[in-house]
């Protein structure tokens, strides 16, 4: 079971992530979009979108540092485990709260605004569920670690497994020994990676690079005197 959960499932999700993006780009280029719903409602969007996206930047940055940078490196820099833990918990909670509140606003908006709800695909609804679940599990693990109710150094377990997974030498025993909260968080995260190519999340890999080299667009105002010589074009309610 450990091999299935922590070797087969992660690599299967990773394969779907890579092949799915290739398929989506090849056969659905016009669908490679966020399907913006700003025209339908923008008051809640102006609040929820920045909270979610800036919060997610902090969450992703924290995961990159926590999972990819070995503890021996921070120890070599003189950063104690306690100092690292305090900074990680404080930053993680702040970013997690921002992202969670932003996502809650966006989901509420999508459910209560009729046109926005009608523009939501079934796959996006599934994605929102798992995205909310993985964020709640992450916050739960952070709160437990901050409160001292669960003594577990993920940098000696989960992080080592993740780096071994990326190196194609996964050690399933490291995740098998992790607390249930971390296991659930990791599994749900891999499910999101498998769903990613088939939802609006593909816009993460979109960048307006073509804007740098495209020709300038020239805008010209209408010459109001051209149509009638020296006389200005009459207003719509005036007889010509």
C-alpha atoms as a PDB file:
ATOM      1  CA  UNK A   1       0.000   0.000   0.000  1.00  0.00           C
ATOM      2  CA  UNK A   2       2.872   2.406   0.789  1.00  0.00           C
ATOM      3  CA  UNK A   3       4.372   1.807  -2.638  1.00  0.00           C
ATOM      4  CA  UNK A   4       1.005   2.396  -4.301  1.00  0.00           C
ATOM      5  CA  UNK A   5       0.257   5.618  -2.395  1.00  0.00           C
ATOM      6  CA  UNK A   6       3.709   7.190  -2.387  1.00  0.00           C
ATOM      7  CA  UNK A   7       5.260   5.911  -5.620  1.00  0.00           C
ATOM      8  CA  UNK A   8       2.615   4.839  -8.154  1.00  0.00           C
ATOM      9  CA  UNK A   9      -0.052   7.478  -7.447  1.00  0.00           C
ATOM     10  CA  UNK A  10       2.333  10.481  -7.428  1.00  0.00           C
ATOM     11  CA  UNK A  11       4.026   9.464 -10.681  1.00  0.00           C
ATOM     12  CA  UNK A  12       0.662   8.724 -12.288  1.00  0.00           C
ATOM     13  CA  UNK A  13      -0.596  12.198 -11.329  1.00  0.00           C
ATOM     14  CA  UNK A  14       2.629  13.755 -12.594  1.00  0.00           C
ATOM     15  CA  UNK A  15       2.263  11.933 -15.930  1.00  0.00           C
ATOM     16  CA  UNK A  16      -1.332  13.163 -16.298  1.00  0.00           C
ATOM     17  CA  UNK A  17      -0.139  16.683 -15.447  1.00  0.00           C
ATOM     18  CA  UNK A  18       2.505  16.699 -18.200  1.00  0.00           C
ATOM     19  CA  UNK A  19       0.617  14.798 -20.927  1.00  0.00           C
ATOM     20  CA  UNK A  20      -2.631  16.606 -20.102  1.00  0.00           C
ATOM     21  CA  UNK A  21      -1.075  20.030 -20.659  1.00  0.00           C
ATOM     22  CA  UNK A  22       0.391  18.895 -23.975  1.00  0.00           C
ATOM     23  CA  UNK A  23      -3.005  17.568 -25.066  1.00  0.00           C
ATOM     24  CA  UNK A  24      -4.837  20.704 -23.903  1.00  0.00           C
ATOM     25  CA  UNK A  25      -2.459  23.018 -25.743  1.00  0.00           C
ATOM     26  CA  UNK A  26      -2.568  20.949 -28.932  1.00  0.00           C
ATOM     27  CA  UNK A  27      -6.326  20.415 -29.142  1.00  0.00           C
ATOM     28  CA  UNK A  28      -7.841  23.236 -27.084  1.00  0.00           C
ATOM     29  CA  UNK A  29      -5.728  26.369 -27.530  1.00  0.00           C
ATOM     30  CA  UNK A  30      -8.781  28.632 -27.493  1.00  0.00           C
ATOM     31  CA  UNK A  31      -9.834  27.065 -24.196  1.00  0.00           C
ATOM     32  CA  UNK A  32      -6.467  27.845 -22.609  1.00  0.00           C
ATOM     33  CA  UNK A  33      -7.893  30.701 -20.578  1.00  0.00           C
ATOM     34  CA  UNK A  34      -9.278  31.675 -17.202  1.00  0.00           C
ATOM     35  CA  UNK A  35     -12.682  32.336 -18.798  1.00  0.00           C
ATOM     36  CA  UNK A  36     -12.795  35.671 -17.037  1.00  0.00           C
ATOM     37  CA  UNK A  37     -16.134  36.584 -15.469  1.00  0.00           C
ATOM     38  CA  UNK A  38     -15.236  40.162 -14.552  1.00  0.00           C
ATOM     39  CA  UNK A  39     -17.935  41.537 -16.870  1.00  0.00           C
ATOM     40  CA  UNK A  40     -20.601  39.789 -14.795  1.00  0.00           C
ATOM     41  CA  UNK A  41     -19.440  41.012 -11.373  1.00  0.00           C
ATOM     42  CA  UNK A  42     -16.326  42.867 -10.240  1.00  0.00           C
ATOM     43  CA  UNK A  43     -16.947  44.131  -6.688  1.00  0.00           C
ATOM     44  CA  UNK A  44     -16.214  40.826  -4.929  1.00  0.00           C
ATOM     45  CA  UNK A  45     -13.661  39.913  -7.591  1.00  0.00           C
ATOM     46  CA  UNK A  46     -11.584  43.024  -6.794  1.00  0.00           C
ATOM     47  CA  UNK A  47     -11.320  41.844  -3.183  1.00  0.00           C
ATOM     48  CA  UNK A  48     -11.134  38.073  -3.502  1.00  0.00           C
ATOM     49  CA  UNK A  49      -8.769  37.755  -6.467  1.00  0.00           C
ATOM     50  CA  UNK A  50      -5.823  39.761  -5.035  1.00  0.00           C
ATOM     51  CA  UNK A  51      -6.194  38.065  -1.647  1.00  0.00           C
ATOM     52  CA  UNK A  52      -6.149  34.622  -3.234  1.00  0.00           C
ATOM     53  CA  UNK A  53      -3.353  35.205  -5.734  1.00  0.00           C
ATOM     54  CA  UNK A  54      -0.976  37.088  -3.431  1.00  0.00           C
ATOM     55  CA  UNK A  55      -1.683  34.581  -0.676  1.00  0.00           C
ATOM     56  CA  UNK A  56      -0.923  31.713  -3.056  1.00  0.00           C
ATOM     57  CA  UNK A  57       2.391  33.329  -4.000  1.00  0.00           C
ATOM     58  CA  UNK A  58       3.375  33.164  -0.343  1.00  0.00           C
ATOM     59  CA  UNK A  59       2.076  29.605   0.019  1.00  0.00           C
ATOM     60  CA  UNK A  60       3.958  28.369  -3.051  1.00  0.00           C
ATOM     61  CA  UNK A  61       7.120  30.185  -1.980  1.00  0.00           C
ATOM     62  CA  UNK A  62       6.918  28.595   1.471  1.00  0.00           C
ATOM     63  CA  UNK A  63       6.476  25.137  -0.036  1.00  0.00           C
ATOM     64  CA  UNK A  64       9.442  25.627  -2.374  1.00  0.00           C
ATOM     65  CA  UNK A  65      11.678  26.609   0.557  1.00  0.00           C
ATOM     66  CA  UNK A  66      10.363  23.920   2.894  1.00  0.00           C
ATOM     67  CA  UNK A  67      10.410  21.055   0.410  1.00  0.00           C
ATOM     68  CA  UNK A  68      13.396  21.763  -1.810  1.00  0.00           C
ATOM     69  CA  UNK A  69      15.941  23.318   0.562  1.00  0.00           C
ATOM     70  CA  UNK A  70      17.507  20.677   2.861  1.00  0.00           C
ATOM     71  CA  UNK A  71      17.660  21.378   6.576  1.00  0.00           C
ATOM     72  CA  UNK A  72      21.450  20.962   6.458  1.00  0.00           C
ATOM     73  CA  UNK A  73      21.676  24.073   4.276  1.00  0.00           C
ATOM     74  CA  UNK A  74      19.838  26.316   6.732  1.00  0.00           C
ATOM     75  CA  UNK A  75      21.823  24.758   9.603  1.00  0.00           C
ATOM     76  CA  UNK A  76      25.026  25.654   7.750  1.00  0.00           C
ATOM     77  CA  UNK A  77      23.822  29.250   7.509  1.00  0.00           C
ATOM     78  CA  UNK A  78      23.369  29.357  11.282  1.00  0.00           C
ATOM     79  CA  UNK A  79      19.554  29.342  11.179  1.00  0.00           C
ATOM     80  CA  UNK A  80      18.337  27.285  14.101  1.00  0.00           C
ATOM     81  CA  UNK A  81      15.389  24.925  13.833  1.00  0.00           C
ATOM     82  CA  UNK A  82      13.399  27.105  16.258  1.00  0.00           C
ATOM     83  CA  UNK A  83      14.016  30.272  14.234  1.00  0.00           C
ATOM     84  CA  UNK A  84      13.115  28.536  10.991  1.00  0.00           C
ATOM     85  CA  UNK A  85       9.971  27.090  12.578  1.00  0.00           C
ATOM     86  CA  UNK A  86       8.791  30.472  13.896  1.00  0.00           C
ATOM     87  CA  UNK A  87       9.345  32.232  10.561  1.00  0.00           C
ATOM     88  CA  UNK A  88       7.736  29.377   8.598  1.00  0.00           C
ATOM     89  CA  UNK A  89       4.673  29.244  10.854  1.00  0.00           C
ATOM     90  CA  UNK A  90       4.177  33.031  10.898  1.00  0.00           C
ATOM     91  CA  UNK A  91       4.608  33.397   7.150  1.00  0.00           C
ATOM     92  CA  UNK A  92       2.620  30.257   6.402  1.00  0.00           C
ATOM     93  CA  UNK A  93      -0.327  31.304   8.534  1.00  0.00           C
ATOM     94  CA  UNK A  94      -0.418  34.814   7.050  1.00  0.00           C
ATOM     95  CA  UNK A  95      -0.238  33.561   3.465  1.00  0.00           C
ATOM     96  CA  UNK A  96      -2.639  30.700   4.165  1.00  0.00           C
ATOM     97  CA  UNK A  97      -5.266  32.959   5.732  1.00  0.00           C
ATOM     98  CA  UNK A  98      -5.034  35.391   2.798  1.00  0.00           C
ATOM     99  CA  UNK A  99      -5.396  32.621   0.223  1.00  0.00           C
ATOM    100  CA  UNK A 100      -8.192  30.859   2.135  1.00  0.00           C
ATOM    101  CA  UNK A 101     -10.243  34.030   2.636  1.00  0.00           C
ATOM    102  CA  UNK A 102      -9.709  34.993  -1.003  1.00  0.00           C
ATOM    103  CA  UNK A 103     -10.790  31.555  -2.212  1.00  0.00           C
ATOM    104  CA  UNK A 104     -13.870  31.659   0.040  1.00  0.00           C
ATOM    105  CA  UNK A 105     -14.882  35.008  -1.474  1.00  0.00           C
ATOM    106  CA  UNK A 106     -14.349  33.728  -5.015  1.00  0.00           C
ATOM    107  CA  UNK A 107     -16.348  30.550  -4.379  1.00  0.00           C
ATOM    108  CA  UNK A 108     -19.168  32.543  -2.721  1.00  0.00           C
ATOM    109  CA  UNK A 109     -19.197  34.916  -5.699  1.00  0.00           C
ATOM    110  CA  UNK A 110     -19.225  32.047  -8.171  1.00  0.00           C
ATOM    111  CA  UNK A 111     -22.128  30.367  -6.357  1.00  0.00           C
ATOM    112  CA  UNK A 112     -24.325  33.413  -5.731  1.00  0.00           C
ATOM    113  CA  UNK A 113     -23.878  35.407  -8.952  1.00  0.00           C
ATOM    114  CA  UNK A 114     -26.057  33.715 -11.586  1.00  0.00           C
ATOM    115  CA  UNK A 115     -24.063  34.435 -14.767  1.00  0.00           C
ATOM    116  CA  UNK A 116     -20.785  33.534 -13.048  1.00  0.00           C
ATOM    117  CA  UNK A 117     -22.229  30.262 -11.784  1.00  0.00           C
ATOM    118  CA  UNK A 118     -23.549  29.436 -15.261  1.00  0.00           C
ATOM    119  CA  UNK A 119     -20.050  29.974 -16.703  1.00  0.00           C
ATOM    120  CA  UNK A 120     -18.509  27.486 -14.243  1.00  0.00           C
ATOM    121  CA  UNK A 121     -17.717  24.083 -15.749  1.00  0.00           C
ATOM    122  CA  UNK A 122     -18.169  20.806 -13.822  1.00  0.00           C
ATOM    123  CA  UNK A 123     -14.375  20.286 -13.835  1.00  0.00           C
ATOM    124  CA  UNK A 124     -13.872  23.719 -12.285  1.00  0.00           C
ATOM    125  CA  UNK A 125     -16.329  22.826  -9.513  1.00  0.00           C
ATOM    126  CA  UNK A 126     -14.311  19.679  -8.774  1.00  0.00           C
ATOM    127  CA  UNK A 127     -11.118  21.731  -8.835  1.00  0.00           C
ATOM    128  CA  UNK A 128     -12.499  24.284  -6.354  1.00  0.00           C
ATOM    129  CA  UNK A 129     -13.451  21.487  -3.964  1.00  0.00           C
ATOM    130  CA  UNK A 130     -10.004  19.896  -3.942  1.00  0.00           C
ATOM    131  CA  UNK A 131      -8.250  23.276  -3.883  1.00  0.00           C
ATOM    132  CA  UNK A 132     -10.225  24.305  -0.811  1.00  0.00           C
ATOM    133  CA  UNK A 133      -9.586  20.923   0.804  1.00  0.00           C
ATOM    134  CA  UNK A 134      -5.816  21.006   0.277  1.00  0.00           C
ATOM    135  CA  UNK A 135      -5.642  24.535   1.687  1.00  0.00           C
ATOM    136  CA  UNK A 136      -7.644  23.589   4.782  1.00  0.00           C
ATOM    137  CA  UNK A 137      -5.418  20.544   5.359  1.00  0.00           C
ATOM    138  CA  UNK A 138      -2.328  22.698   4.995  1.00  0.00           C
ATOM    139  CA  UNK A 139      -3.665  25.240   7.474  1.00  0.00           C
ATOM    140  CA  UNK A 140      -4.585  22.420   9.864  1.00  0.00           C
ATOM    141  CA  UNK A 141      -1.035  21.032   9.769  1.00  0.00           C
ATOM    142  CA  UNK A 142       0.390  24.515  10.307  1.00  0.00           C
ATOM    143  CA  UNK A 143      -1.873  25.224  13.287  1.00  0.00           C
ATOM    144  CA  UNK A 144      -1.035  21.867  14.884  1.00  0.00           C
ATOM    145  CA  UNK A 145       2.658  22.547  14.452  1.00  0.00           C
ATOM    146  CA  UNK A 146       2.362  26.053  15.861  1.00  0.00           C
ATOM    147  CA  UNK A 147       0.370  24.899  18.891  1.00  0.00           C
ATOM    148  CA  UNK A 148       2.820  22.122  19.711  1.00  0.00           C
ATOM    149  CA  UNK A 149       0.068  19.484  19.627  1.00  0.00           C
ATOM    150  CA  UNK A 150       1.934  17.552  16.968  1.00  0.00           C
ATOM    151  CA  UNK A 151       5.700  17.192  17.163  1.00  0.00           C
ATOM    152  CA  UNK A 152       6.805  16.360  13.643  1.00  0.00           C
ATOM    153  CA  UNK A 153       9.678  17.806  11.639  1.00  0.00           C
ATOM    154  CA  UNK A 154       8.466  17.537   8.058  1.00  0.00           C
ATOM    155  CA  UNK A 155      11.903  18.615   6.792  1.00  0.00           C
ATOM    156  CA  UNK A 156      13.291  15.269   7.896  1.00  0.00           C
ATOM    157  CA  UNK A 157      10.431  13.254   6.420  1.00  0.00           C
ATOM    158  CA  UNK A 158       8.071  14.754   3.851  1.00  0.00           C
ATOM    159  CA  UNK A 159      10.696  17.068   2.350  1.00  0.00           C
ATOM    160  CA  UNK A 160      13.243  14.271   1.965  1.00  0.00           C
ATOM    161  CA  UNK A 161      10.608  12.065   0.314  1.00  0.00           C
ATOM    162  CA  UNK A 162       9.633  14.870  -2.064  1.00  0.00           C
ATOM    163  CA  UNK A 163      13.221  15.422  -3.176  1.00  0.00           C
ATOM    164  CA  UNK A 164      13.705  11.679  -3.619  1.00  0.00           C
ATOM    165  CA  UNK A 165      10.492  11.620  -5.681  1.00  0.00           C
ATOM    166  CA  UNK A 166      11.804  14.372  -7.984  1.00  0.00           C
ATOM    167  CA  UNK A 167      15.079  12.454  -8.311  1.00  0.00           C
ATOM    168  CA  UNK A 168      13.087   9.339  -9.381  1.00  0.00           C
ATOM    169  CA  UNK A 169      14.326   7.445  -6.330  1.00  0.00           C
ATOM    170  CA  UNK A 170      11.269   7.696  -4.035  1.00  0.00           C
ATOM    171  CA  UNK A 171      11.500   6.354  -0.499  1.00  0.00           C
ATOM    172  CA  UNK A 172       7.900   5.448   0.334  1.00  0.00           C
ATOM    173  CA  UNK A 173       8.732   4.700   3.988  1.00  0.00           C
ATOM    174  CA  UNK A 174       9.313   8.395   4.687  1.00  0.00           C
ATOM    175  CA  UNK A 175       5.710   9.278   3.847  1.00  0.00           C
ATOM    176  CA  UNK A 176       4.362   6.103   5.451  1.00  0.00           C
ATOM    177  CA  UNK A 177       5.780   7.347   8.784  1.00  0.00           C
ATOM    178  CA  UNK A 178       4.356  10.878   8.406  1.00  0.00           C
ATOM    179  CA  UNK A 179       1.242  11.979  10.342  1.00  0.00           C
ATOM    180  CA  UNK A 180      -2.115  11.523   8.631  1.00  0.00           C
ATOM    181  CA  UNK A 181      -2.566  15.265   8.086  1.00  0.00           C
ATOM    182  CA  UNK A 182       0.603  15.493   6.001  1.00  0.00           C
ATOM    183  CA  UNK A 183      -0.298  12.334   4.079  1.00  0.00           C
ATOM    184  CA  UNK A 184      -3.779  13.645   3.244  1.00  0.00           C
ATOM    185  CA  UNK A 185      -2.374  17.041   2.272  1.00  0.00           C
ATOM    186  CA  UNK A 186       0.124  15.426  -0.129  1.00  0.00           C
ATOM    187  CA  UNK A 187      -2.431  13.088  -1.735  1.00  0.00           C
ATOM    188  CA  UNK A 188      -4.976  15.842  -2.328  1.00  0.00           C
ATOM    189  CA  UNK A 189      -2.210  18.034  -3.774  1.00  0.00           C
ATOM    190  CA  UNK A 190      -1.340  15.306  -6.290  1.00  0.00           C
ATOM    191  CA  UNK A 191      -5.021  14.975  -7.234  1.00  0.00           C
ATOM    192  CA  UNK A 192      -5.002  18.706  -8.015  1.00  0.00           C
ATOM    193  CA  UNK A 193      -1.968  18.219 -10.249  1.00  0.00           C
ATOM    194  CA  UNK A 194      -3.871  15.507 -12.122  1.00  0.00           C
ATOM    195  CA  UNK A 195      -6.915  17.773 -12.533  1.00  0.00           C
ATOM    196  CA  UNK A 196      -4.849  20.839 -13.437  1.00  0.00           C
ATOM    197  CA  UNK A 197      -4.691  20.473 -17.262  1.00  0.00           C
ATOM    198  CA  UNK A 198      -8.470  20.139 -17.557  1.00  0.00           C
ATOM    199  CA  UNK A 199      -9.458  23.247 -15.578  1.00  0.00           C
ATOM    200  CA  UNK A 200      -8.929  26.995 -15.642  1.00  0.00           C
ATOM    201  CA  UNK A 201      -5.680  26.468 -13.695  1.00  0.00           C
ATOM    202  CA  UNK A 202      -3.850  26.190 -17.035  1.00  0.00           C
ATOM    203  CA  UNK A 203      -3.692  29.995 -17.094  1.00  0.00           C
ATOM    204  CA  UNK A 204      -0.822  29.750 -14.592  1.00  0.00           C
ATOM    205  CA  UNK A 205       1.404  28.774 -17.520  1.00  0.00           C
ATOM    206  CA  UNK A 206       0.249  31.626 -19.737  1.00  0.00           C
ATOM    207  CA  UNK A 207       2.472  34.646 -20.271  1.00  0.00           C
ATOM    208  CA  UNK A 208       1.956  37.501 -22.772  1.00  0.00           C
ATOM    209  CA  UNK A 209       5.437  37.031 -24.255  1.00  0.00           C
ATOM    210  CA  UNK A 210       4.179  37.939 -27.715  1.00  0.00           C
ATOM    211  CA  UNK A 211       3.345  41.433 -26.492  1.00  0.00           C
ATOM    212  CA  UNK A 212       7.072  42.235 -26.335  1.00  0.00           C
ATOM    213  CA  UNK A 213       7.655  41.763 -30.069  1.00  0.00           C
ATOM    214  CA  UNK A 214       4.269  42.599 -31.602  1.00  0.00           C
ATOM    215  CA  UNK A 215       3.841  45.900 -33.510  1.00  0.00           C
ATOM    216  CA  UNK A 216       2.387  48.891 -31.730  1.00  0.00           C
ATOM    217  CA  UNK A 217      -1.352  49.403 -32.001  1.00  0.00           C
ATOM    218  CA  UNK A 218      -2.075  52.958 -33.133  1.00  0.00           C
ATOM    219  CA  UNK A 219      -5.287  54.547 -31.938  1.00  0.00           C
ATOM    220  CA  UNK A 220      -6.622  57.630 -33.773  1.00  0.00           C
ATOM    221  CA  UNK A 221      -9.440  59.823 -32.665  1.00  0.00           C
ATOM    222  CA  UNK A 222     -12.268  60.451 -35.103  1.00  0.00           C
ATOM    223  CA  UNK A 223     -12.040  63.671 -37.091  1.00  0.00           C
ATOM    224  CA  UNK A 224     -15.407  65.243 -36.363  1.00  0.00           C
ATOM    225  CA  UNK A 225     -15.093  67.883 -39.095  1.00  0.00           C
ATOM    226  CA  UNK A 226     -14.154  65.476 -41.881  1.00  0.00           C
ATOM    227  CA  UNK A 227     -17.691  64.306 -42.605  1.00  0.00           C
ATOM    228  CA  UNK A 228     -19.225  67.754 -43.076  1.00  0.00           C
ATOM    229  CA  UNK A 229     -16.377  70.057 -44.038  1.00  0.00           C
ATOM    230  CA  UNK A 230     -15.893  72.773 -41.457  1.00  0.00           C
ATOM    231  CA  UNK A 231     -19.147  71.918 -39.711  1.00  0.00           C
ATOM    232  CA  UNK A 232     -18.967  69.543 -36.753  1.00  0.00           C
ATOM    233  CA  UNK A 233     -20.971  66.342 -36.937  1.00  0.00           C
ATOM    234  CA  UNK A 234     -24.366  66.980 -35.253  1.00  0.00           C
ATOM    235  CA  UNK A 235     -25.388  65.269 -32.072  1.00  0.00           C
ATOM    236  CA  UNK A 236     -27.523  62.182 -32.289  1.00  0.00           C
ATOM    237  CA  UNK A 237     -30.698  63.978 -31.297  1.00  0.00           C
ATOM    238  CA  UNK A 238     -30.224  66.855 -33.763  1.00  0.00           C
ATOM    239  CA  UNK A 239     -31.514  66.825 -37.348  1.00  0.00           C
ATOM    240  CA  UNK A 240     -28.752  67.009 -39.960  1.00  0.00           C
END
